[in-house]
Amino acid sequence: MEAFTFRKEEMFLNSNGIEKVVKSYVDYLAGERGFSFNTIDAYERDVRQFTKYVTSKSRKLDKVEEVDVVNFIQSVNQPGIASSTLSRKISSLRSFFRFLMGEGLIMEDPTTIIESPQIKRKLPNVLDVSEIEKILQQPERKETLGIRDKAALELLYACGLRISELLSLKVENIDFDESFLICYGKGEKERIVPIGNYAMDSLNLYLAKARSELDKGKSDGVLFLSKRGKKMSRMGFWKRFKRYCLKAGISKKITPHTFRHSFATHLLEGGADLRVVQTLLGHSDITTTQIYTHITKDYLQKIIRDFHPRGRKGNNGLLIISGGKD
């Protein structure tokens, strides 16, 4: 991280000083914290919004108090703002002021008493196995782009990858002998994920018959290439994914990330250990993975309702419950 080239007093007196410290903070997030690009971008926007707010109130950063942070949070806490967004803004400010303290630029952290709002986690949409199969059958395997899309979709589901992880894969990240891949998730965290037989077969076909036709010498080793021979864009992949879903007759509101949710849910439904699923998904906190246990509970309840003789409703609309002994 680049050292400060201005005095502490100057930093808080003008916009140039604030701009320097924000840029240094961004460098810190990337270089020392290893945050992902999306997280850094969000944190930077939050901090810039806050610094604009306090300067409009004629407050200097080294004079900011708890009440200033509270007032800022209240000012952005407008109807319709998601609790997750509000919580992230608070996390951004906490991180920013800890950075300032670590650099010796402030003496007290004004965010210590600020509490984050309770986040209500939404259960993600999940496809069942038959719906996944329908989508995977849609790419035309006699065409170059169809072969590519088939391999990409198979790998997306087989490994539970984020779309950014999938599209950033390079050929060298695949071990074709041992059937696993190395990907880099949030914060550039490396993880190893096994690849199933269906996905490996599709990958081998793609490399044998399609990738060389797409490669125009500008690929930099990227695995999945666009028609121009470069890394596929998220929007480009999304458009083709949406087309396949429509062809498969899937009416649910889904995205490529739904394959990741389905991957985790299907593993847990099949009896996989939660810690193993956490590792495969690359979650740093197991509470993030635990959301899928709620989905599997709903699935199990549906199985009981649909298939157990005492789980269905009778003609009178009441749930039939056995009155016998265990």
C-alpha atoms as a PDB file:
ATOM      1  CA  MET A   1       0.000   0.000   0.000  1.00  0.00           C
ATOM      2  CA  GLU A   2       1.308   3.451  -0.960  1.00  0.00           C
ATOM      3  CA  ALA A   3       2.400   5.517   2.011  1.00  0.00           C
ATOM      4  CA  PHE A   4       0.663   8.808   2.804  1.00  0.00           C
ATOM      5  CA  THR A   5       2.485  11.797   1.355  1.00  0.00           C
ATOM      6  CA  PHE A   6       0.576  14.482   3.274  1.00  0.00           C
ATOM      7  CA  ARG A   7       0.224  15.551   6.856  1.00  0.00           C
ATOM      8  CA  LYS A   8      -2.616  14.269   8.995  1.00  0.00           C
ATOM      9  CA  GLU A   9      -3.993  17.799   9.361  1.00  0.00           C
ATOM     10  CA  GLU A  10      -4.182  18.304   5.593  1.00  0.00           C
ATOM     11  CA  MET A  11      -6.142  15.122   5.075  1.00  0.00           C
ATOM     12  CA  PHE A  12      -9.174  16.405   6.917  1.00  0.00           C
ATOM     13  CA  LEU A  13      -9.129  19.984   5.676  1.00  0.00           C
ATOM     14  CA  ASN A  14      -9.863  19.601   1.970  1.00  0.00           C
ATOM     15  CA  SER A  15     -11.361  17.282  -0.622  1.00  0.00           C
ATOM     16  CA  ASN A  16      -7.929  16.419  -2.032  1.00  0.00           C
ATOM     17  CA  GLY A  17      -6.857  15.046   1.334  1.00  0.00           C
ATOM     18  CA  ILE A  18     -10.042  12.977   1.696  1.00  0.00           C
ATOM     19  CA  GLU A  19      -9.610  11.662  -1.852  1.00  0.00           C
ATOM     20  CA  LYS A  20      -6.075  10.518  -1.031  1.00  0.00           C
ATOM     21  CA  VAL A  21      -7.129   8.649   2.083  1.00  0.00           C
ATOM     22  CA  VAL A  22     -10.051   6.949   0.321  1.00  0.00           C
ATOM     23  CA  LYS A  23      -7.761   5.772  -2.466  1.00  0.00           C
ATOM     24  CA  SER A  24      -5.274   4.496   0.097  1.00  0.00           C
ATOM     25  CA  TYR A  25      -8.124   2.684   1.848  1.00  0.00           C
ATOM     26  CA  VAL A  26      -9.133   1.038  -1.436  1.00  0.00           C
ATOM     27  CA  ASP A  27      -5.542  -0.104  -1.959  1.00  0.00           C
ATOM     28  CA  TYR A  28      -5.603  -1.534   1.558  1.00  0.00           C
ATOM     29  CA  LEU A  29      -8.768  -3.534   0.840  1.00  0.00           C
ATOM     30  CA  ALA A  30      -7.234  -5.027  -2.281  1.00  0.00           C
ATOM     31  CA  GLY A  31      -3.679  -5.516  -1.131  1.00  0.00           C
ATOM     32  CA  GLU A  32      -4.004  -6.463   2.521  1.00  0.00           C
ATOM     33  CA  ARG A  33      -7.573  -7.665   2.994  1.00  0.00           C
ATOM     34  CA  GLY A  34      -7.782  -9.471  -0.341  1.00  0.00           C
ATOM     35  CA  PHE A  35     -11.399  -8.456  -0.942  1.00  0.00           C
ATOM     36  CA  SER A  36     -13.083  -9.243  -4.251  1.00  0.00           C
ATOM     37  CA  PHE A  37     -13.507  -6.524  -6.879  1.00  0.00           C
ATOM     38  CA  ASN A  38     -17.263  -6.316  -6.258  1.00  0.00           C
ATOM     39  CA  THR A  39     -16.805  -5.926  -2.491  1.00  0.00           C
ATOM     40  CA  ILE A  40     -14.127  -3.272  -2.921  1.00  0.00           C
ATOM     41  CA  ASP A  41     -16.342  -1.379  -5.350  1.00  0.00           C
ATOM     42  CA  ALA A  42     -19.286  -1.467  -2.918  1.00  0.00           C
ATOM     43  CA  TYR A  43     -17.167  -0.425   0.090  1.00  0.00           C
ATOM     44  CA  GLU A  44     -15.635   2.445  -1.856  1.00  0.00           C
ATOM     45  CA  ARG A  45     -19.062   3.737  -2.898  1.00  0.00           C
ATOM     46  CA  ASP A  46     -20.297   3.537   0.689  1.00  0.00           C
ATOM     47  CA  VAL A  47     -17.295   5.391   2.087  1.00  0.00           C
ATOM     48  CA  ARG A  48     -17.495   8.092  -0.581  1.00  0.00           C
ATOM     49  CA  GLN A  49     -21.182   8.549   0.212  1.00  0.00           C
ATOM     50  CA  PHE A  50     -20.305   8.937   3.888  1.00  0.00           C
ATOM     51  CA  THR A  51     -17.433  11.377   3.355  1.00  0.00           C
ATOM     52  CA  LYS A  52     -19.650  13.502   1.106  1.00  0.00           C
ATOM     53  CA  TYR A  53     -22.284  13.492   3.852  1.00  0.00           C
ATOM     54  CA  VAL A  54     -19.965  14.560   6.675  1.00  0.00           C
ATOM     55  CA  THR A  55     -18.249  17.267   4.604  1.00  0.00           C
ATOM     56  CA  SER A  56     -21.682  18.659   3.715  1.00  0.00           C
ATOM     57  CA  LYS A  57     -22.207  18.982   7.472  1.00  0.00           C
ATOM     58  CA  SER A  58     -18.838  20.744   7.804  1.00  0.00           C
ATOM     59  CA  ARG A  59     -17.472  17.852   9.849  1.00  0.00           C
ATOM     60  CA  LYS A  60     -13.846  16.736   9.605  1.00  0.00           C
ATOM     61  CA  LEU A  61     -13.123  13.012   9.529  1.00  0.00           C
ATOM     62  CA  ASP A  62     -10.968  13.182  12.651  1.00  0.00           C
ATOM     63  CA  LYS A  63     -13.842  14.871  14.489  1.00  0.00           C
ATOM     64  CA  VAL A  64     -16.567  12.401  13.490  1.00  0.00           C
ATOM     65  CA  GLU A  65     -18.510  11.017  16.464  1.00  0.00           C
ATOM     66  CA  GLU A  66     -21.007   8.200  16.955  1.00  0.00           C
ATOM     67  CA  VAL A  67     -23.910  10.600  16.436  1.00  0.00           C
ATOM     68  CA  ASP A  68     -22.595  11.524  12.990  1.00  0.00           C
ATOM     69  CA  VAL A  69     -22.517   7.883  11.930  1.00  0.00           C
ATOM     70  CA  VAL A  70     -25.998   7.300  13.348  1.00  0.00           C
ATOM     71  CA  ASN A  71     -27.357  10.352  11.523  1.00  0.00           C
ATOM     72  CA  PHE A  72     -25.798   9.162   8.263  1.00  0.00           C
ATOM     73  CA  ILE A  73     -27.319   5.688   8.645  1.00  0.00           C
ATOM     74  CA  GLN A  74     -30.694   7.239   9.349  1.00  0.00           C
ATOM     75  CA  SER A  75     -30.369   9.451   6.269  1.00  0.00           C
ATOM     76  CA  VAL A  76     -29.796   6.476   3.955  1.00  0.00           C
ATOM     77  CA  ASN A  77     -32.292   4.212   5.713  1.00  0.00           C
ATOM     78  CA  GLN A  78     -35.099   5.118   3.352  1.00  0.00           C
ATOM     79  CA  PRO A  79     -38.197   2.984   2.655  1.00  0.00           C
ATOM     80  CA  GLY A  80     -37.331   0.128   0.344  1.00  0.00           C
ATOM     81  CA  ILE A  81     -33.651  -0.190   1.251  1.00  0.00           C
ATOM     82  CA  ALA A  82     -32.708  -3.791   1.926  1.00  0.00           C
ATOM     83  CA  SER A  83     -31.417  -4.702   5.376  1.00  0.00           C
ATOM     84  CA  SER A  84     -28.457  -6.382   3.669  1.00  0.00           C
ATOM     85  CA  THR A  85     -27.542  -3.100   1.939  1.00  0.00           C
ATOM     86  CA  LEU A  86     -27.783  -1.166   5.201  1.00  0.00           C
ATOM     87  CA  SER A  87     -25.709  -3.800   6.986  1.00  0.00           C
ATOM     88  CA  ARG A  88     -23.048  -3.597   4.274  1.00  0.00           C
ATOM     89  CA  LYS A  89     -22.840   0.186   4.585  1.00  0.00           C
ATOM     90  CA  ILE A  90     -22.232  -0.186   8.324  1.00  0.00           C
ATOM     91  CA  SER A  91     -19.561  -2.819   7.646  1.00  0.00           C
ATOM     92  CA  SER A  92     -17.942  -0.464   5.134  1.00  0.00           C
ATOM     93  CA  LEU A  93     -17.726   2.325   7.695  1.00  0.00           C
ATOM     94  CA  ARG A  94     -16.418  -0.002  10.409  1.00  0.00           C
ATOM     95  CA  SER A  95     -13.686  -1.184   8.079  1.00  0.00           C
ATOM     96  CA  PHE A  96     -12.856   2.380   7.034  1.00  0.00           C
ATOM     97  CA  PHE A  97     -12.500   3.731  10.563  1.00  0.00           C
ATOM     98  CA  ARG A  98     -10.462   0.731  11.676  1.00  0.00           C
ATOM     99  CA  PHE A  99      -8.145   1.484   8.767  1.00  0.00           C
ATOM    100  CA  LEU A 100      -7.863   5.122   9.879  1.00  0.00           C
ATOM    101  CA  MET A 101      -7.056   4.023  13.428  1.00  0.00           C
ATOM    102  CA  GLY A 102      -4.504   1.527  12.204  1.00  0.00           C
ATOM    103  CA  GLU A 103      -2.776   4.310  10.275  1.00  0.00           C
ATOM    104  CA  GLY A 104      -2.803   6.542  13.349  1.00  0.00           C
ATOM    105  CA  LEU A 105      -5.014   9.093  11.646  1.00  0.00           C
ATOM    106  CA  ILE A 106      -7.773   9.056  14.285  1.00  0.00           C
ATOM    107  CA  MET A 107      -7.745   8.303  17.995  1.00  0.00           C
ATOM    108  CA  GLU A 108     -11.239   6.793  18.453  1.00  0.00           C
ATOM    109  CA  ASP A 109     -13.506   4.600  16.333  1.00  0.00           C
ATOM    110  CA  PRO A 110     -16.999   6.160  16.105  1.00  0.00           C
ATOM    111  CA  THR A 111     -18.576   2.930  14.816  1.00  0.00           C
ATOM    112  CA  THR A 112     -18.020   0.718  17.875  1.00  0.00           C
ATOM    113  CA  ILE A 113     -21.538   1.122  19.255  1.00  0.00           C
ATOM    114  CA  ILE A 114     -23.316   0.928  15.892  1.00  0.00           C
ATOM    115  CA  GLU A 115     -25.302  -2.293  15.503  1.00  0.00           C
ATOM    116  CA  SER A 116     -26.057  -3.872  12.143  1.00  0.00           C
ATOM    117  CA  PRO A 117     -29.710  -4.599  11.319  1.00  0.00           C
ATOM    118  CA  GLN A 118     -30.950  -8.160  11.495  1.00  0.00           C
ATOM    119  CA  ILE A 119     -30.784  -9.582   7.995  1.00  0.00           C
ATOM    120  CA  LYS A 120     -33.641 -11.781   6.926  1.00  0.00           C
ATOM    121  CA  ARG A 121     -32.189 -14.326   4.575  1.00  0.00           C
ATOM    122  CA  LYS A 122     -34.286 -15.176   1.554  1.00  0.00           C
ATOM    123  CA  LEU A 123     -34.410 -18.784   0.503  1.00  0.00           C
ATOM    124  CA  PRO A 124     -32.888 -18.993  -2.987  1.00  0.00           C
ATOM    125  CA  ASN A 125     -34.763 -20.498  -5.899  1.00  0.00           C
ATOM    126  CA  VAL A 126     -33.718 -24.069  -6.555  1.00  0.00           C
ATOM    127  CA  LEU A 127     -34.298 -26.379  -9.513  1.00  0.00           C
ATOM    128  CA  ASP A 128     -35.055 -30.034  -9.037  1.00  0.00           C
ATOM    129  CA  VAL A 129     -32.925 -32.641 -10.781  1.00  0.00           C
ATOM    130  CA  SER A 130     -35.367 -33.148 -13.658  1.00  0.00           C
ATOM    131  CA  GLU A 131     -35.416 -29.400 -14.387  1.00  0.00           C
ATOM    132  CA  ILE A 132     -31.610 -29.289 -14.387  1.00  0.00           C
ATOM    133  CA  GLU A 133     -31.571 -32.220 -16.817  1.00  0.00           C
ATOM    134  CA  LYS A 134     -33.985 -30.453 -19.178  1.00  0.00           C
ATOM    135  CA  ILE A 135     -31.773 -27.372 -19.325  1.00  0.00           C
ATOM    136  CA  LEU A 136     -28.619 -29.415 -19.834  1.00  0.00           C
ATOM    137  CA  GLN A 137     -30.229 -31.141 -22.813  1.00  0.00           C
ATOM    138  CA  GLN A 138     -30.922 -27.890 -24.686  1.00  0.00           C
ATOM    139  CA  PRO A 139     -27.506 -26.930 -26.169  1.00  0.00           C
ATOM    140  CA  GLU A 140     -27.091 -28.202 -29.724  1.00  0.00           C
ATOM    141  CA  ARG A 141     -24.124 -30.539 -29.484  1.00  0.00           C
ATOM    142  CA  LYS A 142     -23.498 -30.527 -33.232  1.00  0.00           C
ATOM    143  CA  GLU A 143     -22.622 -26.828 -33.154  1.00  0.00           C
ATOM    144  CA  THR A 144     -19.460 -25.201 -31.809  1.00  0.00           C
ATOM    145  CA  LEU A 145     -21.286 -22.854 -29.432  1.00  0.00           C
ATOM    146  CA  GLY A 146     -23.647 -25.608 -28.350  1.00  0.00           C
ATOM    147  CA  ILE A 147     -20.725 -27.862 -27.428  1.00  0.00           C
ATOM    148  CA  ARG A 148     -19.188 -24.990 -25.477  1.00  0.00           C
ATOM    149  CA  ASP A 149     -22.434 -24.153 -23.678  1.00  0.00           C
ATOM    150  CA  LYS A 150     -23.078 -27.785 -22.806  1.00  0.00           C
ATOM    151  CA  ALA A 151     -19.638 -28.053 -21.188  1.00  0.00           C
ATOM    152  CA  ALA A 152     -20.059 -24.757 -19.327  1.00  0.00           C
ATOM    153  CA  LEU A 153     -23.492 -25.649 -17.957  1.00  0.00           C
ATOM    154  CA  GLU A 154     -22.384 -29.138 -16.937  1.00  0.00           C
ATOM    155  CA  LEU A 155     -19.397 -27.690 -15.094  1.00  0.00           C
ATOM    156  CA  LEU A 156     -21.496 -24.966 -13.472  1.00  0.00           C
ATOM    157  CA  TYR A 157     -23.826 -27.563 -11.958  1.00  0.00           C
ATOM    158  CA  ALA A 158     -21.249 -30.283 -11.290  1.00  0.00           C
ATOM    159  CA  CYS A 159     -18.989 -28.006  -9.247  1.00  0.00           C
ATOM    160  CA  GLY A 160     -21.368 -25.391  -7.819  1.00  0.00           C
ATOM    161  CA  LEU A 161     -19.336 -22.540  -9.280  1.00  0.00           C
ATOM    162  CA  ARG A 162     -20.180 -18.873  -9.233  1.00  0.00           C
ATOM    163  CA  ILE A 163     -20.579 -17.502 -12.750  1.00  0.00           C
ATOM    164  CA  SER A 164     -17.496 -15.297 -12.280  1.00  0.00           C
ATOM    165  CA  GLU A 165     -15.478 -18.365 -11.247  1.00  0.00           C
ATOM    166  CA  LEU A 166     -16.673 -20.349 -14.263  1.00  0.00           C
ATOM    167  CA  LEU A 167     -15.866 -17.653 -16.798  1.00  0.00           C
ATOM    168  CA  SER A 168     -12.447 -16.946 -15.243  1.00  0.00           C
ATOM    169  CA  LEU A 169     -11.299 -20.562 -15.466  1.00  0.00           C
ATOM    170  CA  LYS A 170      -8.264 -21.268 -17.570  1.00  0.00           C
ATOM    171  CA  VAL A 171      -7.411 -24.542 -19.273  1.00  0.00           C
ATOM    172  CA  GLU A 172      -4.502 -24.922 -16.876  1.00  0.00           C
ATOM    173  CA  ASN A 173      -6.950 -24.874 -13.937  1.00  0.00           C
ATOM    174  CA  ILE A 174      -8.371 -28.250 -15.008  1.00  0.00           C
ATOM    175  CA  ASP A 175      -6.644 -31.490 -14.040  1.00  0.00           C
ATOM    176  CA  PHE A 176      -7.964 -33.878 -16.676  1.00  0.00           C
ATOM    177  CA  ASP A 177      -6.139 -36.883 -15.229  1.00  0.00           C
ATOM    178  CA  GLU A 178      -7.465 -36.549 -11.681  1.00  0.00           C
ATOM    179  CA  SER A 179     -10.801 -34.901 -12.634  1.00  0.00           C
ATOM    180  CA  PHE A 180     -10.745 -31.766 -10.503  1.00  0.00           C
ATOM    181  CA  LEU A 181     -10.415 -28.027 -11.008  1.00  0.00           C
ATOM    182  CA  ILE A 182      -8.830 -25.152  -9.128  1.00  0.00           C
ATOM    183  CA  CYS A 183     -10.868 -21.971  -8.958  1.00  0.00           C
ATOM    184  CA  TYR A 184     -10.480 -18.641  -7.227  1.00  0.00           C
ATOM    185  CA  GLY A 185     -13.509 -17.335  -5.362  1.00  0.00           C
ATOM    186  CA  LYS A 186     -14.226 -14.193  -3.384  1.00  0.00           C
ATOM    187  CA  GLY A 187     -11.068 -12.534  -2.179  1.00  0.00           C
ATOM    188  CA  GLU A 188      -9.083 -14.713  -4.594  1.00  0.00           C
ATOM    189  CA  LYS A 189      -9.435 -17.654  -2.218  1.00  0.00           C
ATOM    190  CA  GLU A 190      -8.294 -20.843  -3.906  1.00  0.00           C
ATOM    191  CA  ARG A 191     -10.295 -24.032  -3.670  1.00  0.00           C
ATOM    192  CA  ILE A 192     -10.171 -27.452  -5.289  1.00  0.00           C
ATOM    193  CA  VAL A 193     -13.410 -29.002  -6.565  1.00  0.00           C
ATOM    194  CA  PRO A 194     -13.843 -32.498  -8.020  1.00  0.00           C
ATOM    195  CA  ILE A 195     -15.485 -32.776 -11.455  1.00  0.00           C
ATOM    196  CA  GLY A 196     -18.095 -35.463 -12.167  1.00  0.00           C
ATOM    197  CA  ASN A 197     -18.016 -37.795 -15.158  1.00  0.00           C
ATOM    198  CA  TYR A 198     -20.719 -36.026 -17.178  1.00  0.00           C
ATOM    199  CA  ALA A 199     -18.959 -32.685 -16.892  1.00  0.00           C
ATOM    200  CA  MET A 200     -15.568 -34.214 -17.720  1.00  0.00           C
ATOM    201  CA  ASP A 201     -16.978 -35.868 -20.847  1.00  0.00           C
ATOM    202  CA  SER A 202     -18.467 -32.557 -21.980  1.00  0.00           C
ATOM    203  CA  LEU A 203     -15.213 -30.714 -21.244  1.00  0.00           C
ATOM    204  CA  ASN A 204     -13.161 -33.209 -23.230  1.00  0.00           C
ATOM    205  CA  LEU A 205     -15.552 -32.904 -26.167  1.00  0.00           C
ATOM    206  CA  TYR A 206     -15.376 -29.109 -26.013  1.00  0.00           C
ATOM    207  CA  LEU A 207     -11.582 -29.079 -26.024  1.00  0.00           C
ATOM    208  CA  ALA A 208     -11.381 -31.675 -28.789  1.00  0.00           C
ATOM    209  CA  LYS A 209     -13.944 -30.191 -31.177  1.00  0.00           C
ATOM    210  CA  ALA A 210     -14.916 -26.628 -30.303  1.00  0.00           C
ATOM    211  CA  ARG A 211     -12.406 -24.548 -28.381  1.00  0.00           C
ATOM    212  CA  SER A 212      -9.772 -24.533 -31.122  1.00  0.00           C
ATOM    213  CA  GLU A 213     -12.359 -23.085 -33.526  1.00  0.00           C
ATOM    214  CA  LEU A 214     -13.097 -20.258 -31.098  1.00  0.00           C
ATOM    215  CA  ASP A 215      -9.490 -19.532 -30.164  1.00  0.00           C
ATOM    216  CA  LYS A 216      -8.108 -16.699 -32.286  1.00  0.00           C
ATOM    217  CA  GLY A 217      -4.889 -16.277 -30.361  1.00  0.00           C
ATOM    218  CA  LYS A 218      -6.321 -13.754 -27.891  1.00  0.00           C
ATOM    219  CA  SER A 219      -7.647 -16.137 -25.246  1.00  0.00           C
ATOM    220  CA  ASP A 220      -4.813 -15.894 -22.689  1.00  0.00           C
ATOM    221  CA  GLY A 221      -5.594 -19.505 -21.804  1.00  0.00           C
ATOM    222  CA  VAL A 222      -9.216 -18.829 -20.778  1.00  0.00           C
ATOM    223  CA  LEU A 223     -11.277 -22.020 -20.925  1.00  0.00           C
ATOM    224  CA  PHE A 224     -14.638 -20.803 -22.232  1.00  0.00           C
ATOM    225  CA  LEU A 225     -14.326 -18.445 -25.181  1.00  0.00           C
ATOM    226  CA  SER A 226     -16.737 -16.156 -26.987  1.00  0.00           C
ATOM    227  CA  LYS A 227     -17.191 -16.091 -30.761  1.00  0.00           C
ATOM    228  CA  ARG A 228     -14.490 -13.421 -30.833  1.00  0.00           C
ATOM    229  CA  GLY A 229     -12.024 -15.729 -29.127  1.00  0.00           C
ATOM    230  CA  LYS A 230     -12.002 -13.852 -25.838  1.00  0.00           C
ATOM    231  CA  LYS A 231     -13.321 -14.529 -22.356  1.00  0.00           C
ATOM    232  CA  MET A 232     -17.116 -14.818 -22.318  1.00  0.00           C
ATOM    233  CA  SER A 233     -18.933 -11.938 -20.636  1.00  0.00           C
ATOM    234  CA  ARG A 234     -21.486 -12.478 -17.873  1.00  0.00           C
ATOM    235  CA  MET A 235     -24.191 -10.885 -20.006  1.00  0.00           C
ATOM    236  CA  GLY A 236     -23.318 -13.052 -22.991  1.00  0.00           C
ATOM    237  CA  PHE A 237     -23.529 -16.200 -20.876  1.00  0.00           C
ATOM    238  CA  TRP A 238     -26.745 -15.021 -19.207  1.00  0.00           C
ATOM    239  CA  LYS A 239     -28.491 -14.459 -22.559  1.00  0.00           C
ATOM    240  CA  ARG A 240     -27.708 -17.976 -23.748  1.00  0.00           C
ATOM    241  CA  PHE A 241     -28.610 -19.447 -20.356  1.00  0.00           C
ATOM    242  CA  LYS A 242     -31.980 -17.706 -20.460  1.00  0.00           C
ATOM    243  CA  ARG A 243     -32.613 -19.051 -23.970  1.00  0.00           C
ATOM    244  CA  TYR A 244     -31.957 -22.617 -22.835  1.00  0.00           C
ATOM    245  CA  CYS A 245     -34.288 -22.212 -19.844  1.00  0.00           C
ATOM    246  CA  LEU A 246     -37.100 -21.009 -22.104  1.00  0.00           C
ATOM    247  CA  LYS A 247     -36.535 -23.897 -24.502  1.00  0.00           C
ATOM    248  CA  ALA A 248     -36.659 -26.300 -21.548  1.00  0.00           C
ATOM    249  CA  GLY A 249     -40.001 -24.853 -20.478  1.00  0.00           C
ATOM    250  CA  ILE A 250     -38.701 -23.623 -17.118  1.00  0.00           C
ATOM    251  CA  SER A 251     -40.962 -20.817 -15.918  1.00  0.00           C
ATOM    252  CA  LYS A 252     -39.234 -20.163 -12.579  1.00  0.00           C
ATOM    253  CA  LYS A 253     -37.292 -16.938 -12.132  1.00  0.00           C
ATOM    254  CA  ILE A 254     -33.740 -18.276 -12.211  1.00  0.00           C
ATOM    255  CA  THR A 255     -30.203 -17.182 -13.059  1.00  0.00           C
ATOM    256  CA  PRO A 256     -26.931 -19.068 -13.612  1.00  0.00           C
ATOM    257  CA  HIS A 257     -26.416 -18.753  -9.829  1.00  0.00           C
ATOM    258  CA  THR A 258     -29.476 -20.991  -9.386  1.00  0.00           C
ATOM    259  CA  PHE A 259     -27.289 -23.882 -10.566  1.00  0.00           C
ATOM    260  CA  ARG A 260     -24.991 -23.206  -7.585  1.00  0.00           C
ATOM    261  CA  HIS A 261     -27.942 -23.197  -5.186  1.00  0.00           C
ATOM    262  CA  SER A 262     -29.225 -26.415  -6.752  1.00  0.00           C
ATOM    263  CA  PHE A 263     -25.783 -28.039  -6.497  1.00  0.00           C
ATOM    264  CA  ALA A 264     -25.670 -27.407  -2.740  1.00  0.00           C
ATOM    265  CA  THR A 265     -29.280 -28.425  -2.145  1.00  0.00           C
ATOM    266  CA  HIS A 266     -29.000 -31.669  -4.104  1.00  0.00           C
ATOM    267  CA  LEU A 267     -25.834 -32.631  -2.224  1.00  0.00           C
ATOM    268  CA  LEU A 268     -27.539 -32.124   1.149  1.00  0.00           C
ATOM    269  CA  GLU A 269     -30.658 -33.957   0.011  1.00  0.00           C
ATOM    270  CA  GLY A 270     -28.396 -36.836  -0.967  1.00  0.00           C
ATOM    271  CA  GLY A 271     -26.887 -36.957   2.521  1.00  0.00           C
ATOM    272  CA  ALA A 272     -23.701 -34.918   2.122  1.00  0.00           C
ATOM    273  CA  ASP A 273     -22.156 -33.430   5.259  1.00  0.00           C
ATOM    274  CA  LEU A 274     -22.748 -29.695   5.683  1.00  0.00           C
ATOM    275  CA  ARG A 275     -19.024 -29.049   6.280  1.00  0.00           C
ATOM    276  CA  VAL A 276     -18.165 -30.756   2.996  1.00  0.00           C
ATOM    277  CA  VAL A 277     -20.699 -28.631   1.125  1.00  0.00           C
ATOM    278  CA  GLN A 278     -19.255 -25.541   2.808  1.00  0.00           C
ATOM    279  CA  THR A 279     -15.789 -26.470   1.524  1.00  0.00           C
ATOM    280  CA  LEU A 280     -17.029 -27.177  -1.998  1.00  0.00           C
ATOM    281  CA  LEU A 281     -18.864 -23.852  -2.159  1.00  0.00           C
ATOM    282  CA  GLY A 282     -15.934 -21.923  -0.706  1.00  0.00           C
ATOM    283  CA  HIS A 283     -17.962 -20.366   2.114  1.00  0.00           C
ATOM    284  CA  SER A 284     -15.768 -18.933   4.865  1.00  0.00           C
ATOM    285  CA  ASP A 285     -18.660 -19.072   7.347  1.00  0.00           C
ATOM    286  CA  ILE A 286     -20.803 -22.183   7.716  1.00  0.00           C
ATOM    287  CA  THR A 287     -23.857 -20.065   8.574  1.00  0.00           C
ATOM    288  CA  THR A 288     -23.901 -19.052   4.907  1.00  0.00           C
ATOM    289  CA  THR A 289     -24.140 -22.712   3.933  1.00  0.00           C
ATOM    290  CA  GLN A 290     -26.818 -23.458   6.521  1.00  0.00           C
ATOM    291  CA  ILE A 291     -29.444 -21.625   4.496  1.00  0.00           C
ATOM    292  CA  TYR A 292     -29.629 -24.717   2.299  1.00  0.00           C
ATOM    293  CA  THR A 293     -30.679 -26.871   5.238  1.00  0.00           C
ATOM    294  CA  HIS A 294     -33.948 -24.912   5.332  1.00  0.00           C
ATOM    295  CA  ILE A 295     -34.523 -25.761   1.696  1.00  0.00           C
ATOM    296  CA  THR A 296     -33.914 -29.453   2.281  1.00  0.00           C
ATOM    297  CA  LYS A 297     -36.364 -29.405   5.207  1.00  0.00           C
ATOM    298  CA  ASP A 298     -39.006 -27.990   2.875  1.00  0.00           C
ATOM    299  CA  TYR A 299     -38.134 -30.709   0.388  1.00  0.00           C
ATOM    300  CA  LEU A 300     -38.501 -33.441   3.002  1.00  0.00           C
ATOM    301  CA  GLN A 301     -41.844 -32.041   4.125  1.00  0.00           C
ATOM    302  CA  LYS A 302     -43.036 -32.082   0.523  1.00  0.00           C
ATOM    303  CA  ILE A 303     -41.976 -35.724   0.190  1.00  0.00           C
ATOM    304  CA  ILE A 304     -44.006 -36.610   3.278  1.00  0.00           C
ATOM    305  CA  ARG A 305     -47.041 -34.689   2.034  1.00  0.00           C
ATOM    306  CA  ASP A 306     -46.876 -36.198  -1.445  1.00  0.00           C
ATOM    307  CA  PHE A 307     -45.969 -39.799  -0.735  1.00  0.00           C
ATOM    308  CA  HIS A 308     -46.721 -40.765   2.855  1.00  0.00           C
ATOM    309  CA  PRO A 309     -50.231 -42.195   3.388  1.00  0.00           C
ATOM    310  CA  ARG A 310     -50.598 -40.189   6.605  1.00  0.00           C
ATOM    311  CA  GLY A 311     -49.088 -37.015   5.187  1.00  0.00           C
ATOM    312  CA  ARG A 312     -51.904 -36.099   2.802  1.00  0.00           C
ATOM    313  CA  LYS A 313     -55.092 -34.224   3.562  1.00  0.00           C
ATOM    314  CA  GLY A 314     -58.331 -36.179   3.734  1.00  0.00           C
ATOM    315  CA  ASN A 315     -61.566 -35.356   1.966  1.00  0.00           C
ATOM    316  CA  ASN A 316     -62.595 -33.099   4.844  1.00  0.00           C
ATOM    317  CA  GLY A 317     -59.510 -30.956   4.312  1.00  0.00           C
ATOM    318  CA  LEU A 318     -57.868 -32.050   7.583  1.00  0.00           C
ATOM    319  CA  LEU A 319     -54.375 -33.484   7.715  1.00  0.00           C
ATOM    320  CA  ILE A 320     -54.565 -37.228   8.326  1.00  0.00           C
ATOM    321  CA  ILE A 321     -52.529 -38.081  11.415  1.00  0.00           C
ATOM    322  CA  SER A 322     -52.044 -41.535  12.796  1.00  0.00           C
ATOM    323  CA  GLY A 323     -53.529 -42.041  16.257  1.00  0.00           C
ATOM    324  CA  GLY A 324     -51.856 -45.367  16.883  1.00  0.00           C
ATOM    325  CA  LYS A 325     -48.872 -46.145  19.074  1.00  0.00           C
ATOM    326  CA  ASP A 326     -45.295 -45.801  17.862  1.00  0.00           C
END
